[in-house]
Amino acid sequence: MRKTMIRNTAVMAVLAVVLGIVLALYLRSTFASPVAGNVYASTQKGFGGDIAFEVSIDNGKVTAVSADFSQETAGLGQDAGPKVIDAIVAAGTTEGVDAVSGSTITSTAVLNAVKDCMEQASAAAPAGGTTYTSTQKGFAEDITFEVSISDGKVTAIDADFSKETAGLGQDAGPKMIDAIVAAGTTEGVDAVSGSTITSTAVLDAVKDCMAQAGL
């Protein structure tokens, strides 16, 4: 009788440990932090067969790539696939990422899948991009800016310069906006002479919005 009780207690203890492990794994998988961005799918021809990819893209950058390389050649494609993925995620893009020597087919499948998904993301984005808001100190008062950004570039800027000085800030603001939108960025765009405060407000607003976009 006593042996039976001891055995039953031991079994219950083991079951409790197993259930605890299963519960912990479930909670980890359920409440793990999601990867940023939208997920796109692409299927490409690998060396051992078709490979299905899921690519997460956030603000024009690749944040994660998932794929099963188990059908690729051991020691070649099975190793090359994850290596190319790591390089792409580190760069946020396929630019500058080369195929792994000896595993061109698998590497190319990864590169083509990510390029396909980036094109899907670009096509899905609204024409004007995502709009961000920033308020900066102008010469006369605070100016609120709405900056549209698409594929890492500034596509539009909206602001009211009517309170700035006539002939100076009122003219400089739109000039700054035109220059930034033409360049798609603030790089290389200088303040308008005689309207430094208004010009700086525009530059700082765009830089702030680009930072909000993760650029």
N, C-alpha and C. Protein backbone atom coordinates (compact mmCIF):
# COMPACT_ATOMS: atom_id res chain seq x y z
N MET A 1 0.84 -1.21 0.00
CA MET A 1 0.00 0.00 0.00
C MET A 1 0.87 1.25 0.00
N ARG A 2 1.89 1.21 0.88
CA ARG A 2 2.77 2.37 0.99
C ARG A 2 3.56 2.59 -0.30
N LYS A 3 4.00 1.46 -0.92
CA LYS A 3 4.75 1.55 -2.18
C LYS A 3 3.89 2.13 -3.29
N THR A 4 2.61 1.72 -3.28
CA THR A 4 1.68 2.23 -4.30
C THR A 4 1.50 3.74 -4.16
N MET A 5 1.37 4.21 -2.94
CA MET A 5 1.21 5.65 -2.69
C MET A 5 2.44 6.42 -3.13
N ILE A 6 3.62 5.86 -2.85
CA ILE A 6 4.87 6.54 -3.23
C ILE A 6 4.97 6.61 -4.75
N ARG A 7 4.60 5.48 -5.42
CA ARG A 7 4.66 5.45 -6.88
C ARG A 7 3.70 6.47 -7.48
N ASN A 8 2.49 6.51 -6.94
CA ASN A 8 1.49 7.46 -7.44
C ASN A 8 1.93 8.91 -7.23
N THR A 9 2.56 9.17 -6.11
CA THR A 9 3.05 10.53 -5.82
C THR A 9 4.14 10.92 -6.80
N ALA A 10 5.02 9.94 -7.09
CA ALA A 10 6.11 10.22 -8.03
C ALA A 10 5.56 10.51 -9.43
N VAL A 11 4.56 9.71 -9.83
CA VAL A 11 3.94 9.91 -11.15
C VAL A 11 3.29 11.28 -11.23
N MET A 12 2.59 11.66 -10.18
CA MET A 12 1.93 12.97 -10.15
C MET A 12 2.95 14.09 -10.22
N ALA A 13 4.08 13.91 -9.56
CA ALA A 13 5.13 14.94 -9.58
C ALA A 13 5.70 15.11 -10.97
N VAL A 14 5.93 13.97 -11.65
CA VAL A 14 6.45 14.02 -13.02
C VAL A 14 5.46 14.70 -13.95
N LEU A 15 4.18 14.34 -13.81
CA LEU A 15 3.15 14.96 -14.64
C LEU A 15 3.06 16.46 -14.41
N ALA A 16 3.22 16.86 -13.15
CA ALA A 16 3.16 18.29 -12.83
C ALA A 16 4.29 19.04 -13.51
N VAL A 17 5.49 18.43 -13.52
CA VAL A 17 6.65 19.07 -14.17
C VAL A 17 6.41 19.18 -15.67
N VAL A 18 5.92 18.08 -16.27
CA VAL A 18 5.67 18.09 -17.71
C VAL A 18 4.63 19.14 -18.08
N LEU A 19 3.55 19.18 -17.32
CA LEU A 19 2.49 20.17 -17.58
C LEU A 19 3.02 21.59 -17.43
N GLY A 20 3.90 21.77 -16.46
CA GLY A 20 4.49 23.10 -16.25
C GLY A 20 5.31 23.54 -17.44
N ILE A 21 6.09 22.59 -17.99
CA ILE A 21 6.92 22.90 -19.16
C ILE A 21 6.05 23.23 -20.37
N VAL A 22 5.00 22.39 -20.57
CA VAL A 22 4.10 22.62 -21.70
C VAL A 22 3.42 23.98 -21.58
N LEU A 23 2.97 24.33 -20.38
CA LEU A 23 2.31 25.62 -20.15
C LEU A 23 3.26 26.77 -20.41
N ALA A 24 4.50 26.63 -19.97
CA ALA A 24 5.49 27.70 -20.18
C ALA A 24 5.76 27.92 -21.66
N LEU A 25 5.89 26.80 -22.41
CA LEU A 25 6.12 26.92 -23.85
C LEU A 25 4.93 27.56 -24.54
N TYR A 26 3.72 27.19 -24.09
CA TYR A 26 2.51 27.77 -24.69
C TYR A 26 2.45 29.28 -24.45
N LEU A 27 2.71 29.69 -23.22
CA LEU A 27 2.66 31.11 -22.89
C LEU A 27 3.73 31.88 -23.64
N ARG A 28 4.89 31.25 -23.79
CA ARG A 28 5.98 31.93 -24.51
C ARG A 28 5.62 32.16 -25.96
N SER A 29 5.01 31.13 -26.58
CA SER A 29 4.64 31.26 -27.99
C SER A 29 3.46 32.19 -28.18
N THR A 30 2.57 32.22 -27.19
CA THR A 30 1.35 33.04 -27.32
C THR A 30 1.62 34.51 -27.09
N PHE A 31 2.48 34.82 -26.11
CA PHE A 31 2.67 36.21 -25.72
C PHE A 31 4.03 36.77 -26.14
N ALA A 32 4.75 36.06 -27.00
CA ALA A 32 6.03 36.59 -27.48
C ALA A 32 5.80 37.87 -28.26
N SER A 33 6.75 38.79 -28.18
CA SER A 33 6.61 40.07 -28.89
C SER A 33 6.59 39.84 -30.39
N PRO A 34 5.58 40.37 -31.09
CA PRO A 34 5.50 40.17 -32.53
C PRO A 34 6.58 40.97 -33.25
N VAL A 35 7.01 40.45 -34.41
CA VAL A 35 7.98 41.18 -35.22
C VAL A 35 7.26 42.35 -35.86
N ALA A 36 7.93 43.51 -35.88
CA ALA A 36 7.31 44.71 -36.44
C ALA A 36 7.09 44.56 -37.94
N GLY A 37 6.03 45.18 -38.42
CA GLY A 37 5.78 45.25 -39.85
C GLY A 37 4.69 44.31 -40.33
N ASN A 38 4.34 44.45 -41.62
CA ASN A 38 3.35 43.59 -42.25
C ASN A 38 4.05 42.38 -42.85
N VAL A 39 3.35 41.26 -42.92
CA VAL A 39 3.95 40.02 -43.43
C VAL A 39 3.45 39.74 -44.84
N TYR A 40 4.39 39.45 -45.74
CA TYR A 40 4.08 39.14 -47.13
C TYR A 40 4.63 37.75 -47.45
N ALA A 41 4.01 37.07 -48.42
CA ALA A 41 4.41 35.71 -48.76
C ALA A 41 4.90 35.61 -50.19
N SER A 42 5.86 34.71 -50.40
CA SER A 42 6.38 34.48 -51.74
C SER A 42 6.93 33.05 -51.81
N THR A 43 6.67 32.36 -52.91
CA THR A 43 7.20 31.01 -53.11
C THR A 43 8.19 31.02 -54.26
N GLN A 44 9.38 30.49 -54.00
CA GLN A 44 10.45 30.50 -55.00
C GLN A 44 11.01 29.09 -55.17
N LYS A 45 11.63 28.85 -56.33
CA LYS A 45 12.21 27.55 -56.65
C LYS A 45 13.56 27.40 -55.97
N GLY A 46 13.68 26.42 -55.08
CA GLY A 46 14.95 26.11 -54.46
C GLY A 46 15.63 24.97 -55.17
N PHE A 47 16.72 24.46 -54.62
CA PHE A 47 17.43 23.36 -55.25
C PHE A 47 16.67 22.05 -55.07
N GLY A 48 16.01 21.90 -53.91
CA GLY A 48 15.29 20.66 -53.62
C GLY A 48 13.80 20.73 -53.87
N GLY A 49 13.31 21.90 -54.26
CA GLY A 49 11.88 22.08 -54.50
C GLY A 49 11.46 23.50 -54.17
N ASP A 50 10.17 23.78 -54.26
CA ASP A 50 9.67 25.12 -53.96
C ASP A 50 9.85 25.42 -52.47
N ILE A 51 10.19 26.69 -52.19
CA ILE A 51 10.36 27.14 -50.80
C ILE A 51 9.38 28.29 -50.56
N ALA A 52 8.57 28.15 -49.52
CA ALA A 52 7.61 29.20 -49.15
C ALA A 52 8.25 30.15 -48.14
N PHE A 53 8.19 31.43 -48.43
CA PHE A 53 8.79 32.45 -47.56
C PHE A 53 7.71 33.35 -46.98
N GLU A 54 7.94 33.80 -45.76
CA GLU A 54 7.13 34.85 -45.15
C GLU A 54 8.09 35.97 -44.74
N VAL A 55 7.84 37.17 -45.25
CA VAL A 55 8.75 38.29 -45.04
C VAL A 55 8.03 39.44 -44.34
N SER A 56 8.56 39.86 -43.21
CA SER A 56 7.99 40.99 -42.47
C SER A 56 8.70 42.27 -42.90
N ILE A 57 7.92 43.28 -43.25
CA ILE A 57 8.47 44.55 -43.73
C ILE A 57 7.84 45.69 -42.96
N ASP A 58 8.68 46.57 -42.41
CA ASP A 58 8.21 47.70 -41.62
C ASP A 58 8.89 48.97 -42.12
N ASN A 59 8.08 49.95 -42.58
CA ASN A 59 8.62 51.21 -43.09
C ASN A 59 9.69 51.00 -44.15
N GLY A 60 9.42 50.06 -45.05
CA GLY A 60 10.32 49.83 -46.17
C GLY A 60 11.53 48.98 -45.85
N LYS A 61 11.63 48.48 -44.62
CA LYS A 61 12.79 47.67 -44.24
C LYS A 61 12.35 46.26 -43.86
N VAL A 62 13.17 45.28 -44.23
CA VAL A 62 12.90 43.89 -43.89
C VAL A 62 13.27 43.66 -42.43
N THR A 63 12.31 43.18 -41.64
CA THR A 63 12.56 42.96 -40.21
C THR A 63 12.65 41.48 -39.85
N ALA A 64 12.14 40.61 -40.72
CA ALA A 64 12.21 39.17 -40.44
C ALA A 64 11.89 38.39 -41.71
N VAL A 65 12.51 37.21 -41.84
CA VAL A 65 12.24 36.31 -42.97
C VAL A 65 12.14 34.89 -42.42
N SER A 66 11.06 34.19 -42.77
CA SER A 66 10.87 32.82 -42.31
C SER A 66 10.76 31.89 -43.51
N ALA A 67 11.47 30.75 -43.44
CA ALA A 67 11.42 29.76 -44.52
C ALA A 67 11.95 28.43 -44.02
N ASP A 68 11.54 27.35 -44.68
CA ASP A 68 11.97 25.99 -44.33
C ASP A 68 12.94 25.50 -45.41
N PHE A 69 14.21 25.32 -45.02
CA PHE A 69 15.23 24.89 -45.96
C PHE A 69 15.58 23.41 -45.80
N SER A 70 14.72 22.65 -45.13
CA SER A 70 15.03 21.25 -44.84
C SER A 70 15.15 20.38 -46.09
N GLN A 71 14.55 20.81 -47.21
CA GLN A 71 14.63 20.03 -48.44
C GLN A 71 15.85 20.40 -49.29
N GLU A 72 16.58 21.43 -48.85
CA GLU A 72 17.79 21.81 -49.57
C GLU A 72 18.94 20.90 -49.18
N THR A 73 20.04 20.98 -49.91
CA THR A 73 21.18 20.10 -49.68
C THR A 73 21.83 20.37 -48.33
N ALA A 74 22.02 19.31 -47.53
CA ALA A 74 22.67 19.44 -46.22
C ALA A 74 24.09 19.95 -46.40
N GLY A 75 24.46 20.92 -45.55
CA GLY A 75 25.81 21.48 -45.61
C GLY A 75 25.99 22.55 -46.67
N LEU A 76 24.98 22.70 -47.53
CA LEU A 76 25.05 23.74 -48.58
C LEU A 76 23.82 24.65 -48.47
N GLY A 77 22.74 24.27 -49.16
CA GLY A 77 21.54 25.11 -49.13
C GLY A 77 20.94 25.26 -47.75
N GLN A 78 21.00 24.19 -46.94
CA GLN A 78 20.45 24.27 -45.59
C GLN A 78 21.20 25.28 -44.72
N ASP A 79 22.47 25.49 -45.03
CA ASP A 79 23.26 26.48 -44.30
C ASP A 79 23.18 27.85 -44.95
N ALA A 80 23.17 27.85 -46.29
CA ALA A 80 23.18 29.13 -47.02
C ALA A 80 21.91 29.93 -46.81
N GLY A 81 20.75 29.25 -46.78
CA GLY A 81 19.48 29.96 -46.62
C GLY A 81 19.44 30.86 -45.41
N PRO A 82 19.70 30.31 -44.21
CA PRO A 82 19.70 31.14 -43.00
C PRO A 82 20.76 32.25 -43.04
N LYS A 83 21.92 31.95 -43.65
CA LYS A 83 22.98 32.97 -43.73
C LYS A 83 22.52 34.18 -44.56
N VAL A 84 21.89 33.90 -45.69
CA VAL A 84 21.41 35.00 -46.54
C VAL A 84 20.30 35.77 -45.83
N ILE A 85 19.43 35.05 -45.13
CA ILE A 85 18.36 35.71 -44.37
C ILE A 85 18.96 36.64 -43.32
N ASP A 86 19.94 36.16 -42.56
CA ASP A 86 20.57 36.99 -41.52
C ASP A 86 21.16 38.26 -42.11
N ALA A 87 21.81 38.12 -43.27
CA ALA A 87 22.44 39.28 -43.92
C ALA A 87 21.39 40.29 -44.38
N ILE A 88 20.27 39.78 -44.91
CA ILE A 88 19.21 40.68 -45.39
C ILE A 88 18.56 41.42 -44.24
N VAL A 89 18.25 40.70 -43.16
CA VAL A 89 17.60 41.33 -42.01
C VAL A 89 18.52 42.36 -41.37
N ALA A 90 19.83 42.05 -41.32
CA ALA A 90 20.80 43.00 -40.76
C ALA A 90 20.86 44.28 -41.58
N ALA A 91 20.74 44.13 -42.91
CA ALA A 91 20.79 45.30 -43.80
C ALA A 91 19.43 45.95 -43.97
N GLY A 92 18.36 45.18 -43.70
CA GLY A 92 17.01 45.71 -43.89
C GLY A 92 16.58 45.69 -45.34
N THR A 93 17.43 45.12 -46.21
CA THR A 93 17.17 45.10 -47.64
C THR A 93 18.04 44.04 -48.30
N THR A 94 17.80 43.77 -49.58
CA THR A 94 18.64 42.82 -50.31
C THR A 94 19.87 43.50 -50.91
N GLU A 95 19.87 44.82 -50.92
CA GLU A 95 20.99 45.55 -51.53
C GLU A 95 22.29 45.25 -50.81
N GLY A 96 23.30 44.87 -51.59
CA GLY A 96 24.61 44.58 -51.02
C GLY A 96 24.73 43.18 -50.46
N VAL A 97 23.67 42.39 -50.53
CA VAL A 97 23.71 41.00 -50.03
C VAL A 97 23.95 40.07 -51.21
N ASP A 98 25.01 39.29 -51.15
CA ASP A 98 25.37 38.38 -52.25
C ASP A 98 24.98 36.94 -51.94
N ALA A 99 24.90 36.14 -52.99
CA ALA A 99 24.62 34.72 -52.85
C ALA A 99 25.81 34.04 -52.18
N VAL A 100 25.53 32.96 -51.45
CA VAL A 100 26.58 32.18 -50.80
C VAL A 100 27.22 31.27 -51.84
N SER A 101 28.53 31.28 -51.94
CA SER A 101 29.25 30.47 -52.92
C SER A 101 28.92 28.99 -52.74
N GLY A 102 28.58 28.32 -53.84
CA GLY A 102 28.24 26.90 -53.79
C GLY A 102 26.78 26.64 -53.55
N SER A 103 26.02 27.70 -53.25
CA SER A 103 24.58 27.54 -52.99
C SER A 103 23.81 28.66 -53.68
N THR A 104 24.13 28.84 -54.96
CA THR A 104 23.53 29.95 -55.72
C THR A 104 22.02 29.82 -55.84
N ILE A 105 21.52 28.61 -56.10
CA ILE A 105 20.08 28.44 -56.30
C ILE A 105 19.29 28.77 -55.04
N THR A 106 19.75 28.24 -53.91
CA THR A 106 19.06 28.52 -52.65
C THR A 106 19.15 30.00 -52.30
N SER A 107 20.36 30.57 -52.46
CA SER A 107 20.57 31.98 -52.15
C SER A 107 19.68 32.86 -53.01
N THR A 108 19.62 32.55 -54.30
CA THR A 108 18.80 33.33 -55.23
C THR A 108 17.33 33.23 -54.87
N ALA A 109 16.90 32.07 -54.40
CA ALA A 109 15.50 31.91 -53.98
C ALA A 109 15.18 32.87 -52.84
N VAL A 110 16.10 32.99 -51.88
CA VAL A 110 15.89 33.91 -50.75
C VAL A 110 15.84 35.35 -51.25
N LEU A 111 16.81 35.73 -52.06
CA LEU A 111 16.88 37.10 -52.56
C LEU A 111 15.64 37.46 -53.38
N ASN A 112 15.23 36.55 -54.26
CA ASN A 112 14.06 36.82 -55.10
C ASN A 112 12.78 36.90 -54.28
N ALA A 113 12.68 36.06 -53.24
CA ALA A 113 11.49 36.09 -52.39
C ALA A 113 11.37 37.42 -51.67
N VAL A 114 12.49 37.89 -51.12
CA VAL A 114 12.45 39.16 -50.39
C VAL A 114 12.15 40.32 -51.34
N LYS A 115 12.76 40.30 -52.52
CA LYS A 115 12.50 41.35 -53.51
C LYS A 115 11.02 41.36 -53.90
N ASP A 116 10.47 40.17 -54.09
CA ASP A 116 9.04 40.05 -54.44
C ASP A 116 8.18 40.64 -53.34
N CYS A 117 8.49 40.32 -52.09
CA CYS A 117 7.70 40.81 -50.97
C CYS A 117 7.85 42.32 -50.79
N MET A 118 9.04 42.85 -51.06
CA MET A 118 9.24 44.29 -50.96
C MET A 118 8.42 45.01 -52.03
N GLU A 119 8.31 44.41 -53.21
CA GLU A 119 7.48 44.98 -54.26
C GLU A 119 6.01 44.94 -53.87
N GLN A 120 5.61 43.84 -53.22
CA GLN A 120 4.23 43.74 -52.73
C GLN A 120 3.94 44.84 -51.71
N ALA A 121 4.91 45.07 -50.82
CA ALA A 121 4.75 46.09 -49.78
C ALA A 121 4.66 47.47 -50.39
N SER A 122 5.47 47.70 -51.42
CA SER A 122 5.47 49.00 -52.08
C SER A 122 4.14 49.24 -52.79
N ALA A 123 3.63 48.20 -53.44
CA ALA A 123 2.35 48.33 -54.17
C ALA A 123 1.19 48.51 -53.20
N ALA A 124 1.31 47.91 -52.00
CA ALA A 124 0.22 47.99 -51.03
C ALA A 124 0.19 49.32 -50.29
N ALA A 125 1.33 50.04 -50.29
CA ALA A 125 1.40 51.30 -49.55
C ALA A 125 0.56 52.36 -50.24
N PRO A 126 -0.10 53.24 -49.48
CA PRO A 126 -0.86 54.32 -50.09
C PRO A 126 0.04 55.22 -50.93
N ALA A 127 -0.53 55.80 -51.98
CA ALA A 127 0.26 56.59 -52.94
C ALA A 127 1.09 57.66 -52.26
N GLY A 128 0.53 58.33 -51.29
CA GLY A 128 1.27 59.40 -50.64
C GLY A 128 2.12 58.95 -49.47
N GLY A 129 2.04 57.68 -49.14
CA GLY A 129 2.81 57.18 -48.01
C GLY A 129 2.09 57.41 -46.69
N THR A 130 2.80 57.17 -45.61
CA THR A 130 2.26 57.36 -44.27
C THR A 130 2.56 58.78 -43.80
N THR A 131 1.59 59.42 -43.14
CA THR A 131 1.75 60.81 -42.72
C THR A 131 2.08 60.90 -41.23
N TYR A 132 3.11 61.70 -40.93
CA TYR A 132 3.55 61.93 -39.55
C TYR A 132 3.42 63.41 -39.23
N THR A 133 3.30 63.73 -37.95
CA THR A 133 3.09 65.11 -37.51
C THR A 133 4.20 65.57 -36.59
N SER A 134 4.60 66.83 -36.76
CA SER A 134 5.62 67.43 -35.89
C SER A 134 5.34 68.92 -35.75
N THR A 135 5.49 69.44 -34.55
CA THR A 135 5.31 70.87 -34.31
C THR A 135 6.65 71.49 -33.91
N GLN A 136 7.02 72.56 -34.60
CA GLN A 136 8.31 73.22 -34.38
C GLN A 136 8.12 74.72 -34.19
N LYS A 137 9.08 75.35 -33.54
CA LYS A 137 9.03 76.78 -33.28
C LYS A 137 9.41 77.57 -34.52
N GLY A 138 8.45 78.39 -35.02
CA GLY A 138 8.75 79.26 -36.14
C GLY A 138 9.20 80.62 -35.64
N PHE A 139 9.29 81.61 -36.53
CA PHE A 139 9.73 82.94 -36.12
C PHE A 139 8.63 83.63 -35.31
N ALA A 140 7.37 83.44 -35.71
CA ALA A 140 6.26 84.11 -35.04
C ALA A 140 5.57 83.22 -34.01
N GLU A 141 5.45 81.93 -34.30
CA GLU A 141 4.76 81.01 -33.40
C GLU A 141 5.05 79.58 -33.81
N ASP A 142 4.51 78.64 -33.08
CA ASP A 142 4.70 77.23 -33.42
C ASP A 142 4.04 76.92 -34.76
N ILE A 143 4.70 76.05 -35.53
CA ILE A 143 4.17 75.63 -36.83
C ILE A 143 3.99 74.11 -36.79
N THR A 144 2.79 73.66 -37.16
CA THR A 144 2.51 72.23 -37.21
C THR A 144 2.70 71.71 -38.63
N PHE A 145 3.49 70.67 -38.74
CA PHE A 145 3.80 70.08 -40.05
C PHE A 145 3.19 68.69 -40.16
N GLU A 146 2.72 68.37 -41.36
CA GLU A 146 2.30 67.01 -41.69
C GLU A 146 3.19 66.53 -42.83
N VAL A 147 3.95 65.49 -42.56
CA VAL A 147 4.95 65.02 -43.51
C VAL A 147 4.60 63.60 -43.97
N SER A 148 4.43 63.42 -45.27
CA SER A 148 4.13 62.10 -45.84
C SER A 148 5.43 61.44 -46.28
N ILE A 149 5.60 60.18 -45.88
CA ILE A 149 6.82 59.43 -46.20
C ILE A 149 6.44 58.09 -46.81
N SER A 150 7.04 57.77 -47.95
CA SER A 150 6.78 56.50 -48.62
C SER A 150 8.09 55.91 -49.10
N ASP A 151 8.32 54.62 -48.79
CA ASP A 151 9.55 53.93 -49.19
C ASP A 151 10.80 54.69 -48.76
N GLY A 152 10.74 55.27 -47.57
CA GLY A 152 11.91 55.94 -47.01
C GLY A 152 12.16 57.33 -47.55
N LYS A 153 11.23 57.85 -48.37
CA LYS A 153 11.42 59.19 -48.95
C LYS A 153 10.24 60.11 -48.61
N VAL A 154 10.55 61.38 -48.44
CA VAL A 154 9.52 62.38 -48.17
C VAL A 154 8.78 62.67 -49.47
N THR A 155 7.47 62.51 -49.47
CA THR A 155 6.69 62.71 -50.69
C THR A 155 5.81 63.96 -50.65
N ALA A 156 5.55 64.47 -49.44
CA ALA A 156 4.73 65.68 -49.33
C ALA A 156 4.88 66.28 -47.93
N ILE A 157 4.75 67.60 -47.86
CA ILE A 157 4.82 68.32 -46.58
C ILE A 157 3.74 69.40 -46.60
N ASP A 158 2.96 69.44 -45.54
CA ASP A 158 1.90 70.45 -45.44
C ASP A 158 2.13 71.28 -44.17
N ALA A 159 2.10 72.61 -44.31
CA ALA A 159 2.29 73.50 -43.16
C ALA A 159 1.73 74.87 -43.50
N ASP A 160 1.36 75.63 -42.47
CA ASP A 160 0.81 76.98 -42.64
C ASP A 160 1.86 78.00 -42.19
N PHE A 161 2.38 78.76 -43.16
CA PHE A 161 3.40 79.77 -42.86
C PHE A 161 2.83 81.19 -42.82
N SER A 162 1.50 81.32 -42.75
CA SER A 162 0.87 82.63 -42.85
C SER A 162 1.24 83.58 -41.71
N LYS A 163 1.68 83.04 -40.57
CA LYS A 163 2.06 83.88 -39.44
C LYS A 163 3.53 84.29 -39.47
N GLU A 164 4.29 83.70 -40.41
CA GLU A 164 5.70 84.07 -40.52
C GLU A 164 5.83 85.43 -41.22
N THR A 165 7.01 86.00 -41.20
CA THR A 165 7.23 87.33 -41.76
C THR A 165 7.00 87.34 -43.27
N ALA A 166 6.17 88.29 -43.75
CA ALA A 166 5.90 88.41 -45.18
C ALA A 166 7.19 88.72 -45.93
N GLY A 167 7.39 88.05 -47.05
CA GLY A 167 8.58 88.29 -47.86
C GLY A 167 9.80 87.54 -47.36
N LEU A 168 9.71 86.96 -46.19
CA LEU A 168 10.85 86.19 -45.64
C LEU A 168 10.37 84.77 -45.32
N GLY A 169 9.91 84.55 -44.09
CA GLY A 169 9.47 83.21 -43.70
C GLY A 169 8.33 82.67 -44.53
N GLN A 170 7.42 83.56 -44.94
CA GLN A 170 6.28 83.11 -45.75
C GLN A 170 6.74 82.56 -47.10
N ASP A 171 7.86 83.09 -47.60
CA ASP A 171 8.41 82.60 -48.87
C ASP A 171 9.38 81.44 -48.64
N ALA A 172 10.15 81.54 -47.57
CA ALA A 172 11.17 80.53 -47.31
C ALA A 172 10.57 79.16 -47.03
N GLY A 173 9.46 79.14 -46.25
CA GLY A 173 8.83 77.86 -45.90
C GLY A 173 8.51 77.00 -47.11
N PRO A 174 7.73 77.52 -48.06
CA PRO A 174 7.40 76.74 -49.26
C PRO A 174 8.63 76.36 -50.08
N LYS A 175 9.64 77.26 -50.13
CA LYS A 175 10.86 76.94 -50.87
C LYS A 175 11.57 75.74 -50.24
N MET A 176 11.63 75.73 -48.92
CA MET A 176 12.26 74.61 -48.22
C MET A 176 11.50 73.32 -48.50
N ILE A 177 10.19 73.40 -48.46
CA ILE A 177 9.37 72.22 -48.71
C ILE A 177 9.61 71.68 -50.11
N ASP A 178 9.63 72.56 -51.10
CA ASP A 178 9.85 72.13 -52.48
C ASP A 178 11.20 71.43 -52.63
N ALA A 179 12.22 71.99 -51.98
CA ALA A 179 13.57 71.41 -52.09
C ALA A 179 13.64 70.04 -51.42
N ILE A 180 13.00 69.91 -50.27
CA ILE A 180 13.04 68.63 -49.54
C ILE A 180 12.27 67.55 -50.29
N VAL A 181 11.08 67.89 -50.79
CA VAL A 181 10.28 66.92 -51.52
C VAL A 181 10.99 66.49 -52.81
N ALA A 182 11.66 67.44 -53.47
CA ALA A 182 12.40 67.11 -54.69
C ALA A 182 13.54 66.14 -54.39
N ALA A 183 14.17 66.32 -53.23
CA ALA A 183 15.29 65.46 -52.85
C ALA A 183 14.82 64.18 -52.16
N GLY A 184 13.61 64.23 -51.60
CA GLY A 184 13.09 63.09 -50.86
C GLY A 184 13.66 62.98 -49.46
N THR A 185 14.48 63.96 -49.09
CA THR A 185 15.15 63.96 -47.78
C THR A 185 15.62 65.37 -47.46
N THR A 186 16.12 65.56 -46.23
CA THR A 186 16.65 66.87 -45.85
C THR A 186 18.13 66.99 -46.22
N GLU A 187 18.75 65.88 -46.57
CA GLU A 187 20.18 65.90 -46.88
C GLU A 187 20.46 66.79 -48.09
N GLY A 188 21.42 67.70 -47.92
CA GLY A 188 21.79 68.60 -49.00
C GLY A 188 20.90 69.82 -49.14
N VAL A 189 19.88 69.93 -48.28
CA VAL A 189 18.97 71.08 -48.34
C VAL A 189 19.39 72.08 -47.27
N ASP A 190 19.73 73.29 -47.69
CA ASP A 190 20.20 74.33 -46.77
C ASP A 190 19.09 75.33 -46.45
N ALA A 191 19.25 76.01 -45.33
CA ALA A 191 18.30 77.05 -44.92
C ALA A 191 18.33 78.21 -45.91
N VAL A 192 17.20 78.87 -46.06
CA VAL A 192 17.11 80.03 -46.95
C VAL A 192 17.71 81.23 -46.22
N SER A 193 18.62 81.94 -46.88
CA SER A 193 19.28 83.08 -46.28
C SER A 193 18.27 84.14 -45.84
N GLY A 194 18.41 84.61 -44.59
CA GLY A 194 17.51 85.63 -44.06
C GLY A 194 16.28 85.06 -43.38
N SER A 195 16.10 83.72 -43.48
CA SER A 195 14.93 83.08 -42.85
C SER A 195 15.37 81.79 -42.16
N THR A 196 16.42 81.92 -41.37
CA THR A 196 17.00 80.75 -40.72
C THR A 196 16.02 80.05 -39.78
N ILE A 197 15.27 80.83 -39.00
CA ILE A 197 14.37 80.22 -38.01
C ILE A 197 13.27 79.41 -38.70
N THR A 198 12.64 80.01 -39.70
CA THR A 198 11.58 79.29 -40.43
C THR A 198 12.15 78.08 -41.15
N SER A 199 13.30 78.27 -41.78
CA SER A 199 13.94 77.16 -42.50
C SER A 199 14.29 76.02 -41.56
N THR A 200 14.82 76.37 -40.40
CA THR A 200 15.20 75.35 -39.42
C THR A 200 13.98 74.59 -38.90
N ALA A 201 12.87 75.32 -38.77
CA ALA A 201 11.63 74.68 -38.32
C ALA A 201 11.21 73.59 -39.31
N VAL A 202 11.33 73.91 -40.61
CA VAL A 202 10.97 72.92 -41.64
C VAL A 202 11.91 71.72 -41.56
N LEU A 203 13.21 71.98 -41.51
CA LEU A 203 14.19 70.89 -41.47
C LEU A 203 14.01 70.00 -40.25
N ASP A 204 13.83 70.64 -39.09
CA ASP A 204 13.68 69.87 -37.85
C ASP A 204 12.39 69.04 -37.86
N ALA A 205 11.33 69.61 -38.44
CA ALA A 205 10.05 68.88 -38.50
C ALA A 205 10.20 67.64 -39.36
N VAL A 206 10.84 67.78 -40.51
CA VAL A 206 11.00 66.64 -41.41
C VAL A 206 11.91 65.58 -40.78
N LYS A 207 12.99 66.02 -40.14
CA LYS A 207 13.89 65.07 -39.48
C LYS A 207 13.17 64.32 -38.37
N ASP A 208 12.32 65.03 -37.64
CA ASP A 208 11.54 64.41 -36.57
C ASP A 208 10.60 63.36 -37.14
N CYS A 209 9.92 63.70 -38.23
CA CYS A 209 8.97 62.76 -38.84
C CYS A 209 9.69 61.56 -39.45
N MET A 210 10.86 61.78 -40.01
CA MET A 210 11.63 60.67 -40.57
C MET A 210 12.09 59.75 -39.43
N ALA A 211 12.41 60.33 -38.29
CA ALA A 211 12.79 59.53 -37.13
C ALA A 211 11.60 58.69 -36.65
N GLN A 212 10.41 59.31 -36.68
CA GLN A 212 9.20 58.58 -36.30
C GLN A 212 8.96 57.39 -37.23
N ALA A 213 9.36 57.58 -38.49
CA ALA A 213 9.19 56.51 -39.52
C ALA A 213 10.30 55.47 -39.42
N GLY A 214 11.24 55.70 -38.50
CA GLY A 214 12.34 54.75 -38.34
C GLY A 214 13.46 54.92 -39.33
N LEU A 215 13.57 56.14 -39.89
CA LEU A 215 14.60 56.41 -40.90
C LEU A 215 15.76 57.18 -40.30
